Amino acid sequence: MTLAAQPARGVSGDLYDFYVEGGRLRGLVVGDVSGHGISAGLVMLMVQSIAAALIRRDRKISPSEVLVWL
């Protein structure tokens, strides 16, 4: 059997990220860029990375402050 690499026809862009601290749900991030291409997927990756960094940096940051920073 020969396997050949096939390029993807589309990029999925669903994001869900849970922030748990001390066994309790502290935050939830949900996003969707499905069907909008690679550029939208890359933007979603950047937003997720920045949100995660903000929450790790300041555990008392409010959801509204995260959105202001983003």
PDB file of N, CA and C in Angstrom:
ATOM      1  N   MET A   1       0.843  -1.169   0.000  1.00  0.00           N
ATOM      2  CA  MET A   1       0.000   0.000   0.000  1.00  0.00           C
ATOM      3  C   MET A   1       0.892   1.237   0.000  1.00  0.00           C
ATOM      4  N   THR A   2       0.612   2.166  -0.889  1.00  0.00           N
ATOM      5  CA  THR A   2       1.358   3.411  -0.978  1.00  0.00           C
ATOM      6  C   THR A   2       0.470   4.556  -0.514  1.00  0.00           C
ATOM      7  N   LEU A   3       0.998   5.370   0.373  1.00  0.00           N
ATOM      8  CA  LEU A   3       0.254   6.530   0.847  1.00  0.00           C
ATOM      9  C   LEU A   3       0.798   7.775   0.172  1.00  0.00           C
ATOM     10  N   ALA A   4      -0.072   8.575  -0.346  1.00  0.00           N
ATOM     11  CA  ALA A   4       0.338   9.821  -0.994  1.00  0.00           C
ATOM     12  C   ALA A   4      -0.257  10.992  -0.230  1.00  0.00           C
ATOM     13  N   ALA A   5       0.531  12.019  -0.026  1.00  0.00           N
ATOM     14  CA  ALA A   5       0.039  13.209   0.673  1.00  0.00           C
ATOM     15  C   ALA A   5      -0.943  13.944  -0.219  1.00  0.00           C
ATOM     16  N   GLN A   6      -2.045  14.346   0.369  1.00  0.00           N
ATOM     17  CA  GLN A   6      -3.058  15.102  -0.350  1.00  0.00           C
ATOM     18  C   GLN A   6      -3.214  16.457   0.329  1.00  0.00           C
ATOM     19  N   PRO A   7      -3.158  17.545  -0.437  1.00  0.00           N
ATOM     20  CA  PRO A   7      -3.365  18.853   0.184  1.00  0.00           C
ATOM     21  C   PRO A   7      -4.809  19.009   0.656  1.00  0.00           C
ATOM     22  N   ALA A   8      -4.979  19.742   1.736  1.00  0.00           N
ATOM     23  CA  ALA A   8      -6.317  19.989   2.262  1.00  0.00           C
ATOM     24  C   ALA A   8      -7.074  20.937   1.339  1.00  0.00           C
ATOM     25  N   ARG A   9      -8.342  20.693   1.164  1.00  0.00           N
ATOM     26  CA  ARG A   9      -9.170  21.574   0.338  1.00  0.00           C
ATOM     27  C   ARG A   9      -9.715  22.742   1.141  1.00  0.00           C
ATOM     28  N   GLY A  10      -9.772  22.581   2.430  1.00  0.00           N
ATOM     29  CA  GLY A  10     -10.294  23.638   3.284  1.00  0.00           C
ATOM     30  C   GLY A  10      -9.604  23.611   4.630  1.00  0.00           C
ATOM     31  N   VAL A  11      -9.785  24.657   5.356  1.00  0.00           N
ATOM     32  CA  VAL A  11      -9.192  24.769   6.679  1.00  0.00           C
ATOM     33  C   VAL A  11     -10.322  24.923   7.682  1.00  0.00           C
ATOM     34  N   SER A  12     -10.310  24.094   8.687  1.00  0.00           N
ATOM     35  CA  SER A  12     -11.308  24.208   9.742  1.00  0.00           C
ATOM     36  C   SER A  12     -10.801  25.197  10.772  1.00  0.00           C
ATOM     37  N   GLY A  13     -11.685  25.924  11.395  1.00  0.00           N
ATOM     38  CA  GLY A  13     -11.242  26.953  12.307  1.00  0.00           C
ATOM     39  C   GLY A  13     -12.057  27.072  13.566  1.00  0.00           C
ATOM     40  N   ASP A  14     -12.535  25.961  14.079  1.00  0.00           N
ATOM     41  CA  ASP A  14     -13.251  26.021  15.353  1.00  0.00           C
ATOM     42  C   ASP A  14     -12.239  26.085  16.484  1.00  0.00           C
ATOM     43  N   LEU A  15     -12.510  26.934  17.437  1.00  0.00           N
ATOM     44  CA  LEU A  15     -11.629  27.077  18.595  1.00  0.00           C
ATOM     45  C   LEU A  15     -12.470  27.017  19.852  1.00  0.00           C
ATOM     46  N   TYR A  16     -12.056  26.216  20.781  1.00  0.00           N
ATOM     47  CA  TYR A  16     -12.622  26.258  22.118  1.00  0.00           C
ATOM     48  C   TYR A  16     -11.478  25.993  23.080  1.00  0.00           C
ATOM     49  N   ASP A  17     -11.360  26.834  24.047  1.00  0.00           N
ATOM     50  CA  ASP A  17     -10.254  26.776  24.986  1.00  0.00           C
ATOM     51  C   ASP A  17     -10.826  26.964  26.390  1.00  0.00           C
ATOM     52  N   PHE A  18     -10.484  26.065  27.275  1.00  0.00           N
ATOM     53  CA  PHE A  18     -10.964  26.110  28.651  1.00  0.00           C
ATOM     54  C   PHE A  18      -9.823  26.535  29.561  1.00  0.00           C
ATOM     55  N   TYR A  19     -10.108  27.406  30.496  1.00  0.00           N
ATOM     56  CA  TYR A  19      -9.118  27.834  31.476  1.00  0.00           C
ATOM     57  C   TYR A  19      -9.606  27.372  32.843  1.00  0.00           C
ATOM     58  N   VAL A  20      -8.890  26.395  33.410  1.00  0.00           N
ATOM     59  CA  VAL A  20      -9.271  25.801  34.686  1.00  0.00           C
ATOM     60  C   VAL A  20      -8.205  26.130  35.714  1.00  0.00           C
ATOM     61  N   GLU A  21      -8.661  26.516  36.892  1.00  0.00           N
ATOM     62  CA  GLU A  21      -7.738  26.813  37.982  1.00  0.00           C
ATOM     63  C   GLU A  21      -8.319  26.242  39.267  1.00  0.00           C
ATOM     64  N   GLY A  22      -7.530  25.437  39.957  1.00  0.00           N
ATOM     65  CA  GLY A  22      -7.995  24.842  41.198  1.00  0.00           C
ATOM     66  C   GLY A  22      -9.210  23.952  41.020  1.00  0.00           C
ATOM     67  N   GLY A  23      -9.311  23.296  39.874  1.00  0.00           N
ATOM     68  CA  GLY A  23     -10.440  22.412  39.618  1.00  0.00           C
ATOM     69  C   GLY A  23     -11.728  23.119  39.218  1.00  0.00           C
ATOM     70  N   ARG A  24     -11.674  24.439  39.099  1.00  0.00           N
ATOM     71  CA  ARG A  24     -12.874  25.211  38.713  1.00  0.00           C
ATOM     72  C   ARG A  24     -12.663  25.858  37.352  1.00  0.00           C
ATOM     73  N   LEU A  25     -13.727  25.911  36.572  1.00  0.00           N
ATOM     74  CA  LEU A  25     -13.675  26.576  35.272  1.00  0.00           C
ATOM     75  C   LEU A  25     -13.559  28.078  35.502  1.00  0.00           C
ATOM     76  N   ARG A  26     -12.463  28.655  35.009  1.00  0.00           N
ATOM     77  CA  ARG A  26     -12.222  30.087  35.185  1.00  0.00           C
ATOM     78  C   ARG A  26     -12.625  30.876  33.958  1.00  0.00           C
ATOM     79  N   GLY A  27     -12.531  30.246  32.808  1.00  0.00           N
ATOM     80  CA  GLY A  27     -12.878  30.956  31.578  1.00  0.00           C
ATOM     81  C   GLY A  27     -13.062  30.008  30.416  1.00  0.00           C
ATOM     82  N   LEU A  28     -13.718  30.511  29.404  1.00  0.00           N
ATOM     83  CA  LEU A  28     -13.995  29.737  28.201  1.00  0.00           C
ATOM     84  C   LEU A  28     -13.906  30.681  27.008  1.00  0.00           C
ATOM     85  N   VAL A  29     -13.166  30.261  26.002  1.00  0.00           N
ATOM     86  CA  VAL A  29     -13.039  31.043  24.773  1.00  0.00           C
ATOM     87  C   VAL A  29     -13.579  30.195  23.633  1.00  0.00           C
ATOM     88  N   VAL A  30     -14.469  30.772  22.831  1.00  0.00           N
ATOM     89  CA  VAL A  30     -15.064  30.062  21.706  1.00  0.00           C
ATOM     90  C   VAL A  30     -14.931  30.937  20.465  1.00  0.00           C
ATOM     91  N   GLY A  31     -14.527  30.329  19.363  1.00  0.00           N
ATOM     92  CA  GLY A  31     -14.414  31.068  18.113  1.00  0.00           C
ATOM     93  C   GLY A  31     -14.637  30.152  16.928  1.00  0.00           C
ATOM     94  N   ASP A  32     -14.963  30.730  15.792  1.00  0.00           N
ATOM     95  CA  ASP A  32     -15.215  29.945  14.590  1.00  0.00           C
ATOM     96  C   ASP A  32     -14.843  30.753  13.353  1.00  0.00           C
ATOM     97  N   VAL A  33     -13.911  30.221  12.581  1.00  0.00           N
ATOM     98  CA  VAL A  33     -13.555  30.847  11.303  1.00  0.00           C
ATOM     99  C   VAL A  33     -13.671  29.836  10.168  1.00  0.00           C
ATOM    100  N   SER A  34     -14.447  28.791  10.387  1.00  0.00           N
ATOM    101  CA  SER A  34     -14.598  27.737   9.381  1.00  0.00           C
ATOM    102  C   SER A  34     -15.061  28.304   8.051  1.00  0.00           C
ATOM    103  N   GLY A  35     -14.404  27.844   7.008  1.00  0.00           N
ATOM    104  CA  GLY A  35     -14.790  28.250   5.671  1.00  0.00           C
ATOM    105  C   GLY A  35     -14.255  29.600   5.226  1.00  0.00           C
ATOM    106  N   HIS A  36     -13.427  30.222   6.052  1.00  0.00           N
ATOM    107  CA  HIS A  36     -12.904  31.545   5.704  1.00  0.00           C
ATOM    108  C   HIS A  36     -11.436  31.524   5.296  1.00  0.00           C
ATOM    109  N   GLY A  37     -10.863  30.353   5.151  1.00  0.00           N
ATOM    110  CA  GLY A  37      -9.528  30.227   4.610  1.00  0.00           C
ATOM    111  C   GLY A  37      -8.404  30.249   5.632  1.00  0.00           C
ATOM    112  N   ILE A  38      -7.213  30.121   5.095  1.00  0.00           N
ATOM    113  CA  ILE A  38      -6.015  30.028   5.922  1.00  0.00           C
ATOM    114  C   ILE A  38      -5.752  31.328   6.673  1.00  0.00           C
ATOM    115  N   SER A  39      -5.975  32.465   6.056  1.00  0.00           N
ATOM    116  CA  SER A  39      -5.726  33.749   6.716  1.00  0.00           C
ATOM    117  C   SER A  39      -6.548  33.879   7.996  1.00  0.00           C
ATOM    118  N   ALA A  40      -7.824  33.525   7.923  1.00  0.00           N
ATOM    119  CA  ALA A  40      -8.685  33.594   9.106  1.00  0.00           C
ATOM    120  C   ALA A  40      -8.222  32.603  10.165  1.00  0.00           C
ATOM    121  N   GLY A  41      -7.767  31.435   9.752  1.00  0.00           N
ATOM    122  CA  GLY A  41      -7.238  30.450  10.693  1.00  0.00           C
ATOM    123  C   GLY A  41      -6.004  30.959  11.407  1.00  0.00           C
ATOM    124  N   LEU A  42      -5.136  31.665  10.696  1.00  0.00           N
ATOM    125  CA  LEU A  42      -3.930  32.230  11.302  1.00  0.00           C
ATOM    126  C   LEU A  42      -4.279  33.348  12.285  1.00  0.00           C
ATOM    127  N   VAL A  43      -5.267  34.160  11.934  1.00  0.00           N
ATOM    128  CA  VAL A  43      -5.714  35.212  12.859  1.00  0.00           C
ATOM    129  C   VAL A  43      -6.284  34.573  14.124  1.00  0.00           C
ATOM    130  N   MET A  44      -7.065  33.492  13.964  1.00  0.00           N
ATOM    131  CA  MET A  44      -7.617  32.790  15.124  1.00  0.00           C
ATOM    132  C   MET A  44      -6.492  32.262  16.007  1.00  0.00           C
ATOM    133  N   LEU A  45      -5.453  31.725  15.406  1.00  0.00           N
ATOM    134  CA  LEU A  45      -4.304  31.229  16.161  1.00  0.00           C
ATOM    135  C   LEU A  45      -3.650  32.355  16.960  1.00  0.00           C
ATOM    136  N   MET A  46      -3.492  33.522  16.345  1.00  0.00           N
ATOM    137  CA  MET A  46      -2.893  34.664  17.044  1.00  0.00           C
ATOM    138  C   MET A  46      -3.779  35.134  18.196  1.00  0.00           C
ATOM    139  N   VAL A  47      -5.087  35.196  17.971  1.00  0.00           N
ATOM    140  CA  VAL A  47      -6.012  35.632  19.026  1.00  0.00           C
ATOM    141  C   VAL A  47      -5.964  34.658  20.195  1.00  0.00           C
ATOM    142  N   GLN A  48      -5.973  33.356  19.906  1.00  0.00           N
ATOM    143  CA  GLN A  48      -5.920  32.349  20.969  1.00  0.00           C
ATOM    144  C   GLN A  48      -4.622  32.463  21.749  1.00  0.00           C
ATOM    145  N   SER A  49      -3.518  32.661  21.068  1.00  0.00           N
ATOM    146  CA  SER A  49      -2.219  32.770  21.733  1.00  0.00           C
ATOM    147  C   SER A  49      -2.147  33.999  22.630  1.00  0.00           C
ATOM    148  N   ILE A  50      -2.651  35.120  22.147  1.00  0.00           N
ATOM    149  CA  ILE A  50      -2.625  36.361  22.936  1.00  0.00           C
ATOM    150  C   ILE A  50      -3.542  36.240  24.153  1.00  0.00           C
ATOM    151  N   ALA A  51      -4.740  35.681  23.963  1.00  0.00           N
ATOM    152  CA  ALA A  51      -5.670  35.512  25.084  1.00  0.00           C
ATOM    153  C   ALA A  51      -5.062  34.609  26.150  1.00  0.00           C
ATOM    154  N   ALA A  52      -4.452  33.512  25.735  1.00  0.00           N
ATOM    155  CA  ALA A  52      -3.830  32.590  26.685  1.00  0.00           C
ATOM    156  C   ALA A  52      -2.684  33.274  27.435  1.00  0.00           C
ATOM    157  N   ALA A  53      -1.881  34.059  26.733  1.00  0.00           N
ATOM    158  CA  ALA A  53      -0.766  34.760  27.377  1.00  0.00           C
ATOM    159  C   ALA A  53      -1.270  35.792  28.386  1.00  0.00           C
ATOM    160  N   LEU A  54      -2.327  36.512  28.038  1.00  0.00           N
ATOM    161  CA  LEU A  54      -2.894  37.504  28.956  1.00  0.00           C
ATOM    162  C   LEU A  54      -3.421  36.845  30.230  1.00  0.00           C
ATOM    163  N   ILE A  55      -4.111  35.734  30.061  1.00  0.00           N
ATOM    164  CA  ILE A  55      -4.694  35.052  31.217  1.00  0.00           C
ATOM    165  C   ILE A  55      -3.604  34.440  32.088  1.00  0.00           C
ATOM    166  N   ARG A  56      -2.553  33.892  31.467  1.00  0.00           N
ATOM    167  CA  ARG A  56      -1.445  33.339  32.254  1.00  0.00           C
ATOM    168  C   ARG A  56      -0.689  34.435  32.994  1.00  0.00           C
ATOM    169  N   ARG A  57      -0.553  35.601  32.364  1.00  0.00           N
ATOM    170  CA  ARG A  57       0.198  36.710  32.959  1.00  0.00           C
ATOM    171  C   ARG A  57      -0.523  37.289  34.174  1.00  0.00           C
ATOM    172  N   ASP A  58      -1.839  37.452  34.050  1.00  0.00           N
ATOM    173  CA  ASP A  58      -2.613  38.076  35.117  1.00  0.00           C
ATOM    174  C   ASP A  58      -3.865  37.236  35.366  1.00  0.00           C
ATOM    175  N   ARG A  59      -3.807  36.374  36.349  1.00  0.00           N
ATOM    176  CA  ARG A  59      -4.913  35.445  36.618  1.00  0.00           C
ATOM    177  C   ARG A  59      -6.180  36.152  37.086  1.00  0.00           C
ATOM    178  N   LYS A  60      -6.089  37.418  37.456  1.00  0.00           N
ATOM    179  CA  LYS A  60      -7.272  38.151  37.919  1.00  0.00           C
ATOM    180  C   LYS A  60      -7.859  39.055  36.839  1.00  0.00           C
ATOM    181  N   ILE A  61      -7.360  38.928  35.610  1.00  0.00           N
ATOM    182  CA  ILE A  61      -7.854  39.763  34.516  1.00  0.00           C
ATOM    183  C   ILE A  61      -9.310  39.384  34.204  1.00  0.00           C
ATOM    184  N   SER A  62     -10.133  40.378  33.945  1.00  0.00           N
ATOM    185  CA  SER A  62     -11.548  40.125  33.644  1.00  0.00           C
ATOM    186  C   SER A  62     -11.718  39.829  32.146  1.00  0.00           C
ATOM    187  N   PRO A  63     -12.810  39.157  31.793  1.00  0.00           N
ATOM    188  CA  PRO A  63     -13.067  38.908  30.377  1.00  0.00           C
ATOM    189  C   PRO A  63     -13.107  40.187  29.535  1.00  0.00           C
ATOM    190  N   SER A  64     -13.672  41.264  30.103  1.00  0.00           N
ATOM    191  CA  SER A  64     -13.733  42.518  29.339  1.00  0.00           C
ATOM    192  C   SER A  64     -12.331  43.095  29.111  1.00  0.00           C
ATOM    193  N   GLU A  65     -11.445  42.928  30.078  1.00  0.00           N
ATOM    194  CA  GLU A  65     -10.068  43.418  29.904  1.00  0.00           C
ATOM    195  C   GLU A  65      -9.343  42.603  28.838  1.00  0.00           C
ATOM    196  N   VAL A  66      -9.588  41.308  28.787  1.00  0.00           N
ATOM    197  CA  VAL A  66      -8.986  40.467  27.732  1.00  0.00           C
ATOM    198  C   VAL A  66      -9.438  40.954  26.363  1.00  0.00           C
ATOM    199  N   LEU A  67     -10.742  41.246  26.222  1.00  0.00           N
ATOM    200  CA  LEU A  67     -11.252  41.730  24.930  1.00  0.00           C
ATOM    201  C   LEU A  67     -10.650  43.083  24.559  1.00  0.00           C
ATOM    202  N   VAL A  68     -10.466  43.977  25.553  1.00  0.00           N
ATOM    203  CA  VAL A  68      -9.849  45.274  25.271  1.00  0.00           C
ATOM    204  C   VAL A  68      -8.427  45.066  24.741  1.00  0.00           C
ATOM    205  N   TRP A  69      -7.669  44.197  25.386  1.00  0.00           N
ATOM    206  CA  TRP A  69      -6.294  43.922  24.933  1.00  0.00           C
ATOM    207  C   TRP A  69      -6.275  43.319  23.547  1.00  0.00           C
ATOM    208  N   LEU A  70      -7.204  42.388  23.301  1.00  0.00           N
ATOM    209  CA  LEU A  70      -7.236  41.749  21.984  1.00  0.00           C
ATOM    210  C   LEU A  70      -7.562  42.756  20.901  1.00  0.00           C
TER     211      LEU A  70
END
